[in-house]
Amino acid sequence: QVQLVESGGGLVQAGGSLRLSCALSGTTLSRYAMGWFRQAPGKEREFVAAIRWDAGNTNYDDSVRGRFTISRDNAKNTVYLQMNNLKPEDTAVYYCAKRMHAYSDQYYYDGTRYDYWGQGTQVTVSS
């Protein structure tokens, strides 16, 4: 079955960096756009970044643009989120997600367009 496993979260000081990884198994990554979302305590889940199946296009929420970079290695079935200049407001559980339909990346910010989610990895940024 399809599984997503995130790793790389942790505790970091403001201004620091972390790199999250998301390993996909059970299907072929190269057919699917992928997204990263996050959920802070007491808040709704929000879109962070998305990448097309061939990495030909990336999209970011305004709050992370210029600081975060999404990338993918289809040969390794892995998606990454490089997070630089982290801020306390970036503190959240981060989830990667796989698009429901192959070769589709419209409405990348809409979580209902994704069918499989990882278990999440905690990112905590101290001030």
Foldseek 3Di string as FASTA:
>chain_A
DKAKAKDWADEEAAQAKIKMKIAIDDDQQLFWKKFKWWDDPPGDIWGAKIAFSNNPDIDGDPVQPPFWDWDDDRVRRMIMIIGGRDDQVVWTWMKMFIAPGTRDCPPVGDPVRTDYIHPTDTHGYHD
